[in-house]
Protein backbone atom coordinates (compact mmCIF):
# COMPACT_ATOMS: atom_id res chain seq x y z
CA UNK A 1 69.96 103.99 82.20
CA UNK A 2 70.26 107.72 82.57
CA UNK A 3 73.90 108.53 83.34
CA UNK A 4 73.75 112.30 83.18
CA UNK A 5 76.10 114.04 85.60
CA UNK A 6 74.36 116.22 88.16
CA UNK A 7 76.64 118.80 89.76
CA UNK A 8 75.63 120.99 92.71
CA UNK A 9 74.33 124.39 91.68
CA UNK A 10 76.09 127.71 92.24
CA UNK A 11 72.77 129.54 92.46
CA UNK A 12 73.49 131.12 95.82
CA UNK A 13 76.34 131.96 98.15
CA UNK A 14 75.57 129.22 100.62
CA UNK A 15 75.73 126.51 97.97
CA UNK A 16 78.99 127.94 96.72
CA UNK A 17 80.50 127.83 100.19
CA UNK A 18 79.24 124.29 100.65
CA UNK A 19 80.98 123.33 97.42
CA UNK A 20 84.24 124.66 98.84
CA UNK A 21 83.68 122.71 102.05
CA UNK A 22 84.22 119.42 100.23
CA UNK A 23 87.92 119.02 100.71
CA UNK A 24 88.62 115.30 100.54
CA UNK A 25 91.89 114.03 101.81
CA UNK A 26 93.85 112.52 98.96
CA UNK A 27 97.61 111.88 98.77
CA UNK A 28 99.71 114.88 97.84
CA UNK A 29 103.48 115.19 97.82
CA UNK A 30 104.19 118.65 99.17
CA UNK A 31 107.84 118.05 99.99
CA UNK A 32 110.67 115.74 99.11
CA UNK A 33 112.96 115.22 96.12
CA UNK A 34 111.78 116.02 92.62
CA UNK A 35 110.59 112.93 90.73
CA UNK A 36 112.04 111.63 87.51
CA UNK A 37 110.39 112.70 84.28
CA UNK A 38 106.96 111.05 84.13
CA UNK A 39 107.28 110.23 80.43
CA UNK A 40 109.66 107.41 81.33
CA UNK A 41 106.96 105.39 83.09
CA UNK A 42 107.23 101.79 82.02
CA UNK A 43 104.34 99.29 81.80
CA UNK A 44 103.39 97.84 85.17
CA UNK A 45 103.74 94.08 85.50
CA UNK A 46 100.70 92.65 87.23
CA UNK A 47 100.85 89.33 89.07
CA UNK A 48 99.39 86.28 87.28
CA UNK A 49 95.75 85.34 87.72
CA UNK A 50 95.12 83.23 90.81
CA UNK A 51 92.30 80.71 90.68
CA UNK A 52 91.89 80.12 94.41
CA UNK A 53 88.55 81.28 95.73
CA UNK A 54 89.99 82.03 99.17
CA UNK A 55 93.44 83.27 98.30
CA UNK A 56 93.12 86.89 99.10
CA UNK A 57 91.28 90.15 99.18
CA UNK A 58 91.26 93.48 97.43
CA UNK A 59 93.48 96.34 98.42
CA UNK A 60 91.72 99.63 99.10
CA UNK A 61 92.63 103.20 98.75
CA UNK A 62 91.23 104.85 101.84
CA UNK A 63 90.43 108.37 100.95
CA UNK A 64 90.02 110.49 104.02
CA UNK A 65 87.79 113.50 103.82
CA UNK A 66 87.73 116.43 106.19
CA UNK A 67 84.51 117.69 107.68
CA UNK A 68 83.05 121.15 107.04
CA UNK A 69 84.67 123.75 109.28
CA UNK A 70 81.60 125.68 110.31
CA UNK A 71 78.02 124.92 111.27
CA UNK A 72 76.78 126.96 108.32
CA UNK A 73 78.71 124.87 105.84
CA UNK A 74 77.69 121.68 107.57
CA UNK A 75 74.02 122.60 107.27
CA UNK A 76 74.49 123.50 103.62
CA UNK A 77 75.87 120.04 102.92
CA UNK A 78 72.91 118.23 104.46
CA UNK A 79 70.95 118.51 101.23
CA UNK A 80 73.58 116.71 99.18
CA UNK A 81 75.36 114.36 101.53
CA UNK A 82 73.77 111.39 103.32
CA UNK A 83 74.01 111.36 107.09
CA UNK A 84 77.13 109.60 108.25
CA UNK A 85 77.73 107.95 111.60
CA UNK A 86 80.70 109.46 113.38
CA UNK A 87 82.73 108.49 116.37
CA UNK A 88 85.24 111.20 117.17
CA UNK A 89 86.70 109.11 120.02
CA UNK A 90 87.81 106.28 117.74
CA UNK A 91 91.53 106.25 117.10
CA UNK A 92 93.87 103.93 115.25
CA UNK A 93 97.36 104.42 116.68
CA UNK A 94 98.80 101.22 115.22
CA UNK A 95 98.16 98.62 112.59
CA UNK A 96 95.50 96.06 113.43
CA UNK A 97 96.01 92.34 112.69
CA UNK A 98 96.18 91.89 108.93
CA UNK A 99 93.03 89.76 108.84
CA UNK A 100 91.00 92.82 109.82
CA UNK A 101 92.00 94.51 106.58
CA UNK A 102 91.11 91.54 104.40
CA UNK A 103 87.74 90.45 103.04
CA UNK A 104 86.87 86.77 103.31
CA UNK A 105 84.60 86.74 100.25
CA UNK A 106 86.76 87.04 97.14
CA UNK A 107 83.77 87.49 94.83
CA UNK A 108 82.45 90.32 97.00
CA UNK A 109 85.80 92.08 96.75
CA UNK A 110 85.83 91.77 92.98
CA UNK A 111 82.32 93.20 92.82
CA UNK A 112 83.24 96.03 95.16
CA UNK A 113 86.31 96.90 93.10
CA UNK A 114 84.27 96.99 89.90
CA UNK A 115 81.69 99.28 91.51
CA UNK A 116 84.25 102.12 91.39
CA UNK A 117 83.54 102.84 87.72
CA UNK A 118 80.57 102.57 85.35
CA UNK A 119 79.95 99.00 84.20
CA UNK A 120 80.96 99.78 80.61
CA UNK A 121 84.46 100.37 81.98
CA UNK A 122 84.80 98.05 84.93
CA UNK A 123 83.38 94.86 83.40
CA UNK A 124 86.36 94.63 81.04
CA UNK A 125 88.96 95.83 83.55
CA UNK A 126 91.62 93.80 85.29
CA UNK A 127 90.73 93.29 88.96
CA UNK A 128 93.37 92.99 91.67
CA UNK A 129 92.85 91.39 95.06
CA UNK A 130 95.17 91.26 98.03
CA UNK A 131 95.96 88.38 100.28
CA UNK A 132 98.32 88.10 103.21
CA UNK A 133 101.28 87.82 100.85
CA UNK A 134 100.38 90.65 98.51
CA UNK A 135 98.52 91.39 95.32
CA UNK A 136 96.96 88.84 93.01
CA UNK A 137 95.20 89.31 89.72
CA UNK A 138 91.73 87.87 90.22
CA UNK A 139 90.38 88.85 86.79
CA UNK A 140 92.38 89.48 83.61
CA UNK A 141 90.85 92.41 81.75
CA UNK A 142 90.96 93.56 78.16
CA UNK A 143 90.65 97.36 78.28
CA UNK A 144 93.86 98.16 80.22
CA UNK A 145 91.95 99.64 83.19
CA UNK A 146 92.66 98.18 86.63
CA UNK A 147 90.13 98.13 89.47
CA UNK A 148 90.86 97.34 93.12
CA UNK A 149 89.82 98.27 96.63
CA UNK A 150 92.48 100.11 98.55
CA UNK A 151 93.16 100.10 102.28
CA UNK A 152 93.69 102.79 104.86
CA UNK A 153 97.47 102.92 104.47
CA UNK A 154 97.01 104.80 101.20
CA UNK A 155 95.97 107.80 103.29
CA UNK A 156 98.45 110.57 104.08
CA UNK A 157 100.78 109.61 106.90
CA UNK A 158 99.38 112.35 109.13
CA UNK A 159 95.81 111.08 108.78
CA UNK A 160 94.12 109.81 111.97
CA UNK A 161 92.59 106.97 109.93
CA UNK A 162 95.87 105.70 108.49
CA UNK A 163 95.43 102.31 110.24
CA UNK A 164 91.62 102.19 110.26
CA UNK A 165 90.78 98.60 109.22
CA UNK A 166 87.22 99.58 108.26
CA UNK A 167 88.25 101.72 105.30
CA UNK A 168 87.34 100.39 101.88
CA UNK A 169 88.17 102.55 98.86
CA UNK A 170 87.09 101.06 95.51
CA UNK A 171 89.00 102.67 92.63
CA UNK A 172 89.52 102.06 88.91
CA UNK A 173 92.65 103.45 87.24
CA UNK A 174 92.87 104.28 83.56
CA UNK A 175 95.89 103.01 81.55
CA UNK A 176 98.20 106.03 82.18
CA UNK A 177 97.45 105.81 85.91
CA UNK A 178 98.04 102.05 85.90
CA UNK A 179 101.59 102.69 84.67
CA UNK A 180 102.65 105.33 87.17
CA UNK A 181 100.07 105.74 89.98
CA UNK A 182 98.97 102.18 90.77
CA UNK A 183 102.60 101.36 91.69
CA UNK A 184 102.23 103.72 94.66
CA UNK A 185 99.54 101.42 96.07
CA UNK A 186 101.43 98.23 95.29
CA UNK A 187 104.56 99.67 96.88
CA UNK A 188 102.90 100.88 100.09
CA UNK A 189 101.11 97.58 100.51
CA UNK A 190 104.39 95.71 100.11
CA UNK A 191 105.96 97.86 102.84
CA UNK A 192 102.98 97.35 105.15
CA UNK A 193 103.09 93.59 104.72
CA UNK A 194 106.82 93.68 105.41
CA UNK A 195 106.04 95.13 108.84
CA UNK A 196 107.53 98.61 108.40
CA UNK A 197 106.38 101.43 110.65
CA UNK A 198 104.86 104.62 109.23
CA UNK A 199 108.15 106.46 109.70
CA UNK A 200 110.09 103.68 108.01
CA UNK A 201 107.65 103.56 105.11
CA UNK A 202 107.83 107.28 104.57
CA UNK A 203 111.61 107.28 104.51
CA UNK A 204 111.70 104.30 102.17
CA UNK A 205 109.27 105.93 99.73
CA UNK A 206 111.26 109.18 99.73
CA UNK A 207 114.35 107.18 98.89
CA UNK A 208 112.55 105.34 96.08
CA UNK A 209 111.35 108.63 94.61
CA UNK A 210 114.88 110.04 94.74
CA UNK A 211 116.22 106.96 92.96
CA UNK A 212 113.57 107.18 90.24
CA UNK A 213 111.89 103.96 91.33
CA UNK A 214 108.58 105.76 91.85
CA UNK A 215 107.73 108.19 89.07
CA UNK A 216 105.38 111.13 88.71
CA UNK A 217 102.01 110.49 87.06
CA UNK A 218 101.97 110.15 83.29
CA UNK A 219 100.00 112.58 81.17
CA UNK A 220 96.28 111.76 81.23
CA UNK A 221 96.36 109.72 84.45
CA UNK A 222 92.95 109.62 86.14
CA UNK A 223 90.78 107.30 88.20
CA UNK A 224 87.16 106.65 89.12
CA UNK A 225 85.83 106.53 92.68
CA UNK A 226 82.09 106.29 92.09
CA UNK A 227 81.14 103.39 94.35
CA UNK A 228 78.22 103.84 96.73
CA UNK A 229 79.48 100.84 98.71
CA UNK A 230 82.88 102.19 99.68
CA UNK A 231 83.83 103.37 103.15
CA UNK A 232 86.19 106.33 102.97
CA UNK A 233 86.37 107.29 106.62
CA UNK A 234 84.57 107.17 109.95
CA UNK A 235 83.33 110.73 109.51
CA UNK A 236 82.13 110.49 105.91
CA UNK A 237 81.12 106.94 105.02
CA UNK A 238 81.10 106.59 101.23
CA UNK A 239 81.26 110.40 100.82
CA UNK A 240 80.39 111.36 97.25
CA UNK A 241 81.14 109.90 93.78
CA UNK A 242 84.06 111.63 92.14
CA UNK A 243 86.73 111.48 89.48
CA UNK A 244 90.39 111.99 90.33
CA UNK A 245 93.10 113.47 88.14
CA UNK A 246 96.68 112.55 89.02
CA UNK A 247 99.36 115.07 88.06
CA UNK A 248 102.97 115.80 89.01
CA UNK A 249 103.27 117.99 92.10
CA UNK A 250 101.65 121.38 91.66
CA UNK A 251 99.45 123.89 93.48
CA UNK A 252 95.69 124.47 93.62
CA UNK A 253 95.80 127.49 91.32
CA UNK A 254 97.09 125.50 88.37
CA UNK A 255 93.71 123.77 88.15
CA UNK A 256 91.54 126.49 89.66
CA UNK A 257 90.81 124.23 92.62
CA UNK A 258 89.10 125.16 95.88
CA UNK A 259 87.44 128.35 94.68
CA UNK A 260 83.72 129.13 94.82
CA UNK A 261 81.73 127.30 92.14
CA UNK A 262 84.76 125.47 90.76
CA UNK A 263 84.03 121.74 90.52
CA UNK A 264 87.72 121.01 91.13
CA UNK A 265 88.80 120.14 94.67
CA UNK A 266 92.13 119.51 96.31
CA UNK A 267 92.56 118.88 100.02
CA UNK A 268 95.71 120.27 101.55
CA UNK A 269 94.72 119.72 105.20
CA UNK A 270 96.68 116.45 105.22
CA UNK A 271 99.76 116.61 103.04
CA UNK A 272 102.22 114.13 104.55
CA UNK A 273 102.58 111.94 101.47
CA UNK A 274 105.97 111.38 99.82
CA UNK A 275 104.72 110.07 96.47
CA UNK A 276 105.32 112.59 93.63
CA UNK A 277 101.72 113.49 92.78
CA UNK A 278 98.93 115.97 93.36
CA UNK A 279 95.35 114.70 93.06
CA UNK A 280 92.54 116.95 91.91
CA UNK A 281 88.98 115.71 92.42
CA UNK A 282 85.77 116.49 90.57
CA UNK A 283 82.61 115.26 92.36
CA UNK A 284 79.83 114.01 90.12
CA UNK A 285 76.12 113.66 90.76
CA UNK A 286 75.61 109.94 90.21
CA UNK A 287 77.07 106.71 91.48
CA UNK A 288 78.60 104.21 89.08
CA UNK A 289 75.25 102.42 88.68
CA UNK A 290 73.61 105.63 87.48
CA UNK A 291 71.59 106.34 90.62
CA UNK A 292 71.53 109.87 92.02
CA UNK A 293 74.00 110.68 94.74
CA UNK A 294 71.68 113.35 96.10
CA UNK A 295 67.93 113.91 96.15
CA UNK A 296 66.31 115.69 93.23
CA UNK A 297 65.16 119.26 93.97
């Protein structure tokens, strides 16, 4: 299988501007108390493996992506992004019944979670699923990676899709991210299942950061979001395969993000996230199964 990475070209100005138009919406802590030193991250305890075939479903990180801001940029993206159905009138002002966020087929959730990363990584990863009472370990891995499918409440709090029950965000975390970044997802899910409002969750998370209960990302923390079967928002569908690099709070310039022809992206359109991290994204040209994410030219 050919797994070469195909990145968009910077051959002309229009392509360069289109590259800048990809500003996915990932969590970023722009305000709030400074986190404790990330080097103190302790190993994350995962729940024991559950054998029930109907016990739960996978949690998803719903990555929300903003649309291009001009017709020119939108047209430039047509060549590399599949057409996505959009419904601007859809809104999600409150949480839907929990069953709408769950998947009834446990095996399908495991497969979807594993699709976030290349098979050489995901087949030996631990896989988490989520039921009505919280996370379960569906598969015990051996390579210290953890794959799961995150839900819409992992979006920034000011995102219009925060409660969108359709969102499905397959993601695989590497070992450093498992220690310090995966706990953000576990924590938010716990607060959601406890019935807290968005405002209550945000205040609780800020307090946990201040107390050192949620720590900044450890050195080397990264994750894969390369699934063609995810659903990252009503306006973007599965968007584009990408890698994410989780770092303590910083600005775009520190990574050269959001400049013409830089492959590094960081979306600051939605920033209402109290967790102590900045996420930089690098889109890649192929899905986790090796197929092209855009047509050959």
